[in-house]
C-alpha cells in the first residue's frame, strides 16, 4: 500500500508539469545523448596499439598468469577483424599493418604499397597533412614491418635502409625503437640519416649516449631515440622502455599537437617473436609488458577525455592454445605452427567514437574508422606516386 501511494504521488507530480523544460507543446524533447564510447563527440587524439601476434590465447595466457586480470578488461567496446592479406588467408605483419595504415588489402611483404606496388598514403601521413602531431613507439626496430607500414612505401619489408630513408619524407614528431645502424652505418650509401634528421629540427639520441629517461625533450623539437643498434632485447632480458617511452610520446605529442591533436602508434612487437619461437614464457612476459603500457594509455585517455584508444593485433602467431592440465598460475600450452594463423583478431576501443569499432569487419576498416573518428575529408586511400 505504501508503494502504491508513492507511485500515485510521483504520477501526480508529473501530471502537474505538462510542459517540462525543453518541451514543445507538451511533448518532451530529450537532448542528444553524447556517449564517450562513440556518439557525437569526435576525438582530438587517436592512439592505435598493436600487439604483434596477439590473438585471443595470447591475451588469455597473460590474464591467467597475472592473477586473472588485465588492463584490457577495462575497455567497453570489443570487435573482431578479418586479417587476411590479398595474397592469401595467412597474412604477415607488413600486409596487415598496411591495411591498418592505408585501408587496402595487399600482398605479404608490402610496406605502404598496394598489390601493384603503388604507394598509398598512410593515416600517419594524412594526420601530418591535417597538422596533427604524430609518433610511433615499437619494441622492434623502428624500420620493422609494422612501424614501417605507417611511414614508408617499399615493395619489400626487408629493405630496411630504404625504409629508414623514408623517415626523411615525413615530419613525424616522435619515434622510439631499435635499428640505429640502418640510419647511420648504412651499407647501400654514405648517407648519415641521423645528421640529416638533426638538420630537420630533430633531437636524436640513443642508448649508447644516454638513458631514455635522462633525455630532455623540447616541445619545439621533433624527437627520435634508438633503443638498440638492431633488434631490442626481450623484456625478460632487460628491455624496459615501452611503458616509459609511450608515456613520453603521449606527453610530447600533446604539446606538439596543441589544439589540433595527434596520432600515435604503439607496437608490442615481440609477442609475435615468442609465438614464432613457440615459447609460452616469452609470449606471456611480452603480453604483460604490453598490457602494462595499455594501462598507462587508458589512464591518459580517461584523464584527457579527447583521446580514442584502439588496441588490436595484426594476426595471431603460433596457433597457441591452453590445454588440459593448466591452472590459473601454471599453464600447459601447445602450438600448431611456427608461423601465423588466419584467426580473426580482437579489437578493443575506449574513448570518443569507440562505438564504431564494435562488430566484425575487415582489417582495412580500422583505417576507415580512424579517418571517420578524426573527421578527415575525402575517401582516403590516396595514391601518392608510381611503382616503388
Protein backbone atom coordinates (compact mmCIF):
# COMPACT_ATOMS: atom_id res chain seq x y z
CA UNK A 1 0.00 0.00 0.00
CA UNK A 2 2.84 2.33 0.85
CA UNK A 3 4.46 1.68 -2.58
CA UNK A 4 1.17 2.42 -4.35
CA UNK A 5 0.90 5.76 -2.52
CA UNK A 6 4.42 6.73 -3.57
CA UNK A 7 3.66 5.80 -7.19
CA UNK A 8 0.47 7.92 -7.10
CA UNK A 9 2.35 10.96 -5.77
CA UNK A 10 5.04 10.52 -8.44
CA UNK A 11 2.46 10.38 -11.23
CA UNK A 12 0.65 13.38 -9.78
CA UNK A 13 3.88 15.37 -9.82
CA UNK A 14 4.42 14.55 -13.49
CA UNK A 15 0.84 15.47 -14.44
CA UNK A 16 1.18 18.85 -12.72
CA UNK A 17 4.06 19.73 -15.00
CA UNK A 18 2.78 19.12 -18.54
CA UNK A 19 5.41 21.35 -20.17
CA UNK A 20 8.80 20.40 -18.73
CA UNK A 21 11.85 22.44 -19.68
CA UNK A 22 12.89 21.85 -23.27
CA UNK A 23 9.46 20.60 -24.38
CA UNK A 24 7.27 21.82 -27.21
CA UNK A 25 3.51 21.73 -26.99
CA UNK A 26 3.66 19.38 -24.03
CA UNK A 27 5.90 16.85 -25.84
CA UNK A 28 9.14 16.07 -24.07
CA UNK A 29 12.16 16.80 -26.23
CA UNK A 30 15.20 14.90 -24.97
CA UNK A 31 18.62 16.47 -25.55
CA UNK A 32 21.01 14.46 -27.73
CA UNK A 33 22.86 11.88 -25.70
CA UNK A 34 26.59 12.18 -26.21
CA UNK A 35 28.41 8.97 -25.32
CA UNK A 36 32.16 8.91 -24.84
CA UNK A 37 32.14 5.41 -26.34
CA UNK A 38 31.15 6.52 -29.79
CA UNK A 39 28.45 9.13 -30.21
CA UNK A 40 28.52 12.75 -31.30
CA UNK A 41 31.91 13.68 -29.83
CA UNK A 42 34.96 13.26 -32.06
CA UNK A 43 38.39 12.55 -30.62
CA UNK A 44 41.19 15.04 -30.93
CA UNK A 45 43.78 12.28 -30.49
CA UNK A 46 43.96 8.64 -31.60
CA UNK A 47 46.32 6.07 -30.12
CA UNK A 48 46.49 2.79 -32.05
CA UNK A 49 48.12 -0.01 -30.06
CA UNK A 50 49.18 -3.14 -31.93
CA UNK A 51 50.21 -6.30 -30.11
CA UNK A 52 52.03 -8.09 -32.91
CA UNK A 53 50.98 -11.76 -32.99
CA UNK A 54 48.47 -11.21 -30.17
CA UNK A 55 45.48 -13.50 -30.58
CA UNK A 56 42.83 -14.45 -28.03
CA UNK A 57 45.04 -17.12 -26.43
CA UNK A 58 47.96 -14.74 -26.01
CA UNK A 59 45.61 -12.37 -24.18
CA UNK A 60 44.11 -15.21 -22.11
CA UNK A 61 47.52 -16.59 -21.13
CA UNK A 62 48.66 -13.17 -19.98
CA UNK A 63 45.46 -12.72 -17.98
CA UNK A 64 45.65 -16.09 -16.18
CA UNK A 65 49.32 -15.59 -15.37
CA UNK A 66 48.58 -12.13 -13.98
CA UNK A 67 46.07 -13.03 -11.28
CA UNK A 68 43.18 -13.33 -13.76
CA UNK A 69 43.21 -9.64 -14.67
CA UNK A 70 44.41 -7.35 -17.45
CA UNK A 71 44.04 -3.66 -18.22
CA UNK A 72 42.34 -4.76 -21.45
CA UNK A 73 39.30 -5.71 -19.38
CA UNK A 74 38.55 -2.01 -18.85
CA UNK A 75 37.68 -1.46 -22.50
CA UNK A 76 33.91 -1.19 -23.07
CA UNK A 77 33.88 -1.86 -26.82
CA UNK A 78 35.12 -5.07 -28.47
CA UNK A 79 35.07 -6.11 -32.13
CA UNK A 80 36.77 -8.60 -34.43
CA UNK A 81 38.68 -8.01 -37.64
CA UNK A 82 39.47 -10.34 -40.53
CA UNK A 83 43.21 -10.22 -41.02
CA UNK A 84 43.79 -11.97 -44.37
CA UNK A 85 46.07 -10.44 -47.00
CA UNK A 86 45.39 -10.12 -50.73
CA UNK A 87 47.93 -12.88 -51.32
CA UNK A 88 46.26 -15.43 -49.04
CA UNK A 89 44.45 -16.13 -45.77
CA UNK A 90 47.68 -16.08 -43.78
CA UNK A 91 48.93 -12.51 -43.56
CA UNK A 92 52.28 -11.19 -42.45
CA UNK A 93 52.84 -8.06 -40.38
CA UNK A 94 53.64 -5.89 -43.38
CA UNK A 95 50.42 -6.59 -45.28
CA UNK A 96 48.32 -6.38 -42.11
CA UNK A 97 49.85 -3.11 -40.89
CA UNK A 98 49.48 -1.63 -44.38
CA UNK A 99 45.77 -2.47 -44.15
CA UNK A 100 45.55 -0.55 -40.86
CA UNK A 101 47.63 2.35 -42.15
CA UNK A 102 46.31 2.75 -45.70
CA UNK A 103 43.00 0.89 -45.86
CA UNK A 104 44.00 -1.60 -48.55
CA UNK A 105 44.49 -5.34 -48.81
CA UNK A 106 47.93 -6.08 -50.19
CA UNK A 107 50.49 -8.84 -50.58
CA UNK A 108 52.70 -10.21 -47.82
CA UNK A 109 55.86 -8.16 -47.52
CA UNK A 110 54.34 -4.94 -48.86
CA UNK A 111 55.12 -1.74 -46.97
CA UNK A 112 52.63 1.03 -47.70
CA UNK A 113 52.02 -0.12 -51.27
CA UNK A 114 49.11 -1.90 -52.94
CA UNK A 115 49.20 -5.17 -54.90
CA UNK A 116 50.59 -3.28 -57.91
CA UNK A 117 53.36 -1.76 -55.72
CA UNK A 118 51.73 1.67 -55.98
CA UNK A 119 52.31 3.80 -52.87
CA UNK A 120 49.17 4.63 -50.87
CA UNK A 121 49.16 7.46 -48.35
CA UNK A 122 49.04 6.35 -44.70
CA UNK A 123 46.92 7.57 -41.82
CA UNK A 124 50.11 8.98 -40.23
CA UNK A 125 50.85 10.98 -43.38
CA UNK A 126 47.24 12.19 -43.53
CA UNK A 127 47.48 13.24 -39.90
CA UNK A 128 50.60 15.26 -40.73
CA UNK A 129 48.76 16.92 -43.64
CA UNK A 130 45.97 17.86 -41.23
CA UNK A 131 48.54 19.49 -38.92
CA UNK A 132 48.32 16.81 -36.23
CA UNK A 133 51.40 15.70 -34.33
CA UNK A 134 52.44 12.09 -34.99
CA UNK A 135 54.50 9.42 -33.30
CA UNK A 136 55.49 5.75 -33.14
CA UNK A 137 56.94 3.54 -30.42
CA UNK A 138 57.96 -0.09 -31.03
CA UNK A 139 59.82 -2.86 -29.23
CA UNK A 140 61.29 -3.94 -32.57
CA UNK A 141 63.46 -1.85 -34.84
CA UNK A 142 61.61 1.28 -35.90
CA UNK A 143 62.02 0.10 -39.52
CA UNK A 144 60.39 -3.27 -38.86
CA UNK A 145 57.25 -4.24 -40.78
CA UNK A 146 54.57 -2.75 -38.51
CA UNK A 147 56.01 0.72 -37.82
CA UNK A 148 57.41 0.88 -41.36
CA UNK A 149 53.94 0.47 -42.85
CA UNK A 150 52.81 3.74 -41.28
CA UNK A 151 55.67 5.87 -42.57
CA UNK A 152 57.30 4.18 -45.58
CA UNK A 153 56.49 2.91 -49.07
CA UNK A 154 58.58 -0.03 -50.21
CA UNK A 155 57.78 -3.16 -52.18
CA UNK A 156 59.64 -5.43 -49.75
CA UNK A 157 59.68 -5.30 -45.97
CA UNK A 158 63.38 -6.22 -45.71
CA UNK A 159 64.53 -3.03 -47.46
CA UNK A 160 65.41 -1.59 -44.07
CA UNK A 161 67.77 1.13 -45.27
CA UNK A 162 65.19 2.33 -47.82
CA UNK A 163 62.57 2.39 -45.07
CA UNK A 164 64.91 4.43 -42.84
CA UNK A 165 65.39 6.95 -45.66
CA UNK A 166 61.62 7.28 -45.97
CA UNK A 167 61.57 8.84 -42.48
CA UNK A 168 63.10 11.93 -44.10
CA UNK A 169 59.97 12.31 -46.26
CA UNK A 170 57.73 12.91 -43.22
CA UNK A 171 57.62 15.24 -40.25
CA UNK A 172 56.92 12.58 -37.62
CA UNK A 173 57.25 14.31 -34.26
CA UNK A 174 58.33 11.40 -32.05
CA UNK A 175 59.72 7.91 -32.59
CA UNK A 176 61.39 5.34 -30.35
CA UNK A 177 62.64 1.89 -31.35
CA UNK A 178 65.69 -0.10 -32.39
CA UNK A 179 67.53 -0.11 -35.71
CA UNK A 180 70.10 2.66 -35.30
CA UNK A 181 72.50 1.05 -37.79
CA UNK A 182 70.05 1.49 -40.67
CA UNK A 183 70.28 5.25 -40.17
CA UNK A 184 73.96 5.97 -39.52
CA UNK A 185 76.01 2.96 -40.66
CA UNK A 186 74.40 2.19 -43.95
CA UNK A 187 75.71 -0.31 -46.49
CA UNK A 188 73.76 0.96 -49.51
CA UNK A 189 75.08 4.54 -49.45
CA UNK A 190 77.17 7.02 -47.49
CA UNK A 191 74.24 8.95 -46.01
CA UNK A 192 74.05 9.63 -42.29
CA UNK A 193 70.31 9.91 -41.69
CA UNK A 194 70.79 10.82 -38.04
CA UNK A 195 72.59 14.01 -39.07
CA UNK A 196 70.01 14.67 -41.77
CA UNK A 197 67.23 14.37 -39.18
CA UNK A 198 69.05 16.77 -36.88
CA UNK A 199 69.18 19.25 -39.72
CA UNK A 200 65.39 18.91 -39.92
CA UNK A 201 64.79 20.09 -36.32
CA UNK A 202 65.10 16.69 -34.64
CA UNK A 203 66.75 15.88 -31.36
CA UNK A 204 68.18 12.39 -31.95
CA UNK A 205 69.68 10.29 -29.18
CA UNK A 206 70.34 6.63 -28.44
CA UNK A 207 71.08 4.06 -25.76
CA UNK A 208 74.84 4.45 -26.36
CA UNK A 209 74.71 8.08 -25.30
CA UNK A 210 72.12 8.29 -22.53
CA UNK A 211 69.17 6.53 -20.96
CA UNK A 212 65.80 7.43 -22.42
CA UNK A 213 64.60 8.84 -19.12
CA UNK A 214 67.55 11.22 -18.98
CA UNK A 215 66.84 12.88 -22.32
CA UNK A 216 65.47 16.42 -22.28
CA UNK A 217 62.74 16.76 -24.90
CA UNK A 218 61.86 20.26 -26.06
CA UNK A 219 58.29 20.77 -27.21
CA UNK A 220 59.76 22.90 -30.00
CA UNK A 221 61.68 19.97 -31.48
CA UNK A 222 60.88 16.64 -33.08
CA UNK A 223 62.39 13.69 -31.22
CA UNK A 224 63.87 10.30 -32.08
CA UNK A 225 65.58 7.75 -29.85
CA UNK A 226 67.22 4.45 -30.80
CA UNK A 227 66.96 1.73 -28.18
CA UNK A 228 69.29 -0.71 -29.96
CA UNK A 229 71.64 -0.92 -32.89
CA UNK A 230 69.49 -3.68 -34.40
CA UNK A 231 66.69 -5.57 -32.58
CA UNK A 232 65.94 -4.58 -28.97
CA UNK A 233 66.20 -7.23 -26.24
CA UNK A 234 63.17 -9.15 -24.96
CA UNK A 235 61.66 -7.66 -21.81
CA UNK A 236 62.75 -10.76 -19.87
CA UNK A 237 66.37 -9.93 -20.71
CA UNK A 238 66.35 -6.32 -19.63
CA UNK A 239 64.38 -4.26 -22.15
CA UNK A 240 62.04 -1.98 -20.28
CA UNK A 241 61.22 1.12 -22.28
CA UNK A 242 57.78 0.50 -23.80
CA UNK A 243 55.86 1.87 -20.81
CA UNK A 244 58.04 4.94 -20.25
CA UNK A 245 58.50 5.72 -23.96
CA UNK A 246 54.75 5.56 -24.53
CA UNK A 247 54.10 7.99 -21.67
CA UNK A 248 56.80 10.30 -23.05
CA UNK A 249 55.21 10.07 -26.51
CA UNK A 250 51.75 11.00 -25.28
CA UNK A 251 53.01 13.96 -23.27
CA UNK A 252 55.24 15.23 -26.09
CA UNK A 253 52.57 14.86 -28.76
CA UNK A 254 50.00 16.55 -26.53
CA UNK A 255 52.26 19.62 -26.51
CA UNK A 256 53.22 19.34 -30.18
CA UNK A 257 49.63 18.74 -31.29
CA UNK A 258 48.39 21.83 -29.49
CA UNK A 259 44.76 22.45 -30.46
CA UNK A 260 44.91 20.09 -33.47
CA UNK A 261 45.58 16.75 -31.75
CA UNK A 262 47.82 13.78 -32.50
CA UNK A 263 48.10 10.27 -33.91
CA UNK A 264 50.30 7.73 -32.11
CA UNK A 265 51.02 4.09 -32.99
CA UNK A 266 52.45 1.87 -30.23
CA UNK A 267 53.56 -1.69 -31.02
CA UNK A 268 54.27 -4.52 -28.61
CA UNK A 269 56.37 -6.21 -31.28
CA UNK A 270 57.82 -9.22 -29.53
CA UNK A 271 54.63 -11.05 -28.57
CA UNK A 272 54.94 -12.25 -32.15
CA UNK A 273 58.54 -13.34 -31.69
CA UNK A 274 57.53 -15.53 -28.75
CA UNK A 275 54.92 -17.14 -30.97
CA UNK A 276 57.42 -17.84 -33.73
CA UNK A 277 59.71 -19.42 -31.14
CA UNK A 278 56.83 -21.47 -29.69
CA UNK A 279 57.92 -20.08 -26.34
CA UNK A 280 54.99 -19.58 -23.97
CA UNK A 281 57.00 -17.71 -21.33
CA UNK A 282 58.29 -15.29 -23.98
CA UNK A 283 54.71 -14.62 -25.12
CA UNK A 284 53.42 -14.05 -21.60
CA UNK A 285 56.19 -11.69 -20.46
CA UNK A 286 55.78 -9.61 -23.63
CA UNK A 287 51.99 -9.66 -23.31
CA UNK A 288 52.16 -8.36 -19.74
CA UNK A 289 54.64 -5.64 -20.74
CA UNK A 290 52.22 -4.57 -23.46
CA UNK A 291 49.25 -4.67 -21.07
CA UNK A 292 51.12 -2.51 -18.55
CA UNK A 293 51.52 0.04 -21.31
CA UNK A 294 47.85 -0.33 -22.24
CA UNK A 295 47.07 0.65 -18.65
CA UNK A 296 49.14 3.83 -18.92
CA UNK A 297 47.48 4.75 -22.24
CA UNK A 298 44.00 4.05 -20.84
CA UNK A 299 44.70 6.26 -17.81
CA UNK A 300 45.93 9.05 -20.10
CA UNK A 301 42.79 8.80 -22.26
CA UNK A 302 40.48 8.70 -19.25
CA UNK A 303 42.05 11.86 -17.82
CA UNK A 304 42.35 13.64 -21.17
CA UNK A 305 38.76 12.98 -22.33
CA UNK A 306 39.58 13.68 -26.00
CA UNK A 307 41.53 10.56 -26.85
CA UNK A 308 40.36 7.43 -28.67
CA UNK A 309 42.37 4.30 -27.84
CA UNK A 310 42.26 1.25 -30.12
CA UNK A 311 44.05 -1.98 -29.18
CA UNK A 312 44.36 -4.82 -31.67
CA UNK A 313 46.84 -7.15 -33.38
CA UNK A 314 47.94 -7.72 -36.95
CA UNK A 315 47.49 -11.51 -36.70
CA UNK A 316 47.88 -14.43 -34.31
CA UNK A 317 51.22 -16.24 -34.20
CA UNK A 318 51.93 -19.86 -33.29
CA UNK A 319 48.49 -21.42 -33.22
CA UNK A 320 48.83 -21.01 -29.46
CA UNK A 321 46.47 -22.92 -27.14
CA UNK A 322 45.97 -23.55 -23.43
CA UNK A 323 45.37 -27.26 -22.84
CA UNK A 324 44.38 -29.82 -20.22
CA UNK A 325 46.44 -29.68 -17.04
CA UNK A 326 46.53 -25.89 -16.86
CA UNK A 327 45.97 -23.99 -13.64
CA UNK A 328 45.39 -20.29 -13.11
CA UNK A 329 49.06 -19.62 -12.39
CA UNK A 330 50.60 -22.53 -14.29
CA UNK A 331 49.63 -23.09 -17.90
CA UNK A 332 50.07 -26.13 -20.11
CA UNK A 333 50.30 -24.86 -23.69
CA UNK A 334 50.72 -26.17 -27.21
CA UNK A 335 51.43 -24.71 -30.64
CA UNK A 336 50.26 -25.83 -34.07
CA UNK A 337 52.71 -23.78 -36.16
CA UNK A 338 55.83 -21.65 -36.01
CA UNK A 339 54.17 -19.05 -38.22
CA UNK A 340 50.97 -17.03 -38.30
CA UNK A 341 47.38 -18.27 -38.38
CA UNK A 342 44.24 -16.93 -40.05
CA UNK A 343 42.26 -16.45 -36.81
CA UNK A 344 40.06 -13.37 -36.53
CA UNK A 345 41.63 -10.79 -34.23
CA UNK A 346 40.00 -8.86 -31.37
CA UNK A 347 39.74 -5.07 -31.38
CA UNK A 348 39.30 -3.13 -28.12
CA UNK A 349 38.29 0.53 -28.05
CA UNK A 350 37.79 3.27 -25.48
CA UNK A 351 37.01 6.98 -25.75
CA UNK A 352 35.18 9.25 -28.19
CA UNK A 353 33.86 7.26 -31.19
CA UNK A 354 34.88 3.93 -29.66
CA UNK A 355 31.46 2.51 -30.51
CA UNK A 356 32.23 2.39 -34.23
CA UNK A 357 34.79 -0.35 -33.57
CA UNK A 358 32.24 -2.95 -32.46
CA UNK A 359 31.16 -5.74 -34.79
CA UNK A 360 33.04 -7.88 -37.31
CA UNK A 361 34.84 -6.27 -40.24
CA UNK A 362 37.91 -6.41 -42.49
CA UNK A 363 41.18 -5.12 -41.08
CA UNK A 364 41.05 -2.31 -43.67
CA UNK A 365 38.02 -0.92 -41.82
CA UNK A 366 40.26 0.13 -38.94
CA UNK A 367 41.75 2.73 -41.28
CA UNK A 368 38.28 3.88 -42.36
CA UNK A 369 37.06 4.09 -38.78
CA UNK A 370 40.09 6.12 -37.66
CA UNK A 371 39.55 8.58 -40.52
CA UNK A 372 35.86 8.80 -39.64
CA UNK A 373 36.72 9.42 -35.99
CA UNK A 374 39.17 12.19 -36.92
CA UNK A 375 36.71 13.66 -39.41
CA UNK A 376 39.19 13.66 -42.28
CA UNK A 377 37.68 14.72 -45.59
CA UNK A 378 37.57 12.58 -48.71
CA UNK A 379 37.64 8.82 -49.05
CA UNK A 380 41.32 8.28 -48.32
CA UNK A 381 43.43 5.58 -49.98
CA UNK A 382 45.19 8.27 -51.96
CA UNK A 383 47.87 7.25 -54.46
CA UNK A 384 50.98 9.35 -53.88
CA UNK A 385 53.36 8.16 -56.61
CA UNK A 386 54.09 5.35 -59.03
CA UNK A 387 55.68 1.94 -58.58
CA UNK A 388 58.38 1.53 -55.94
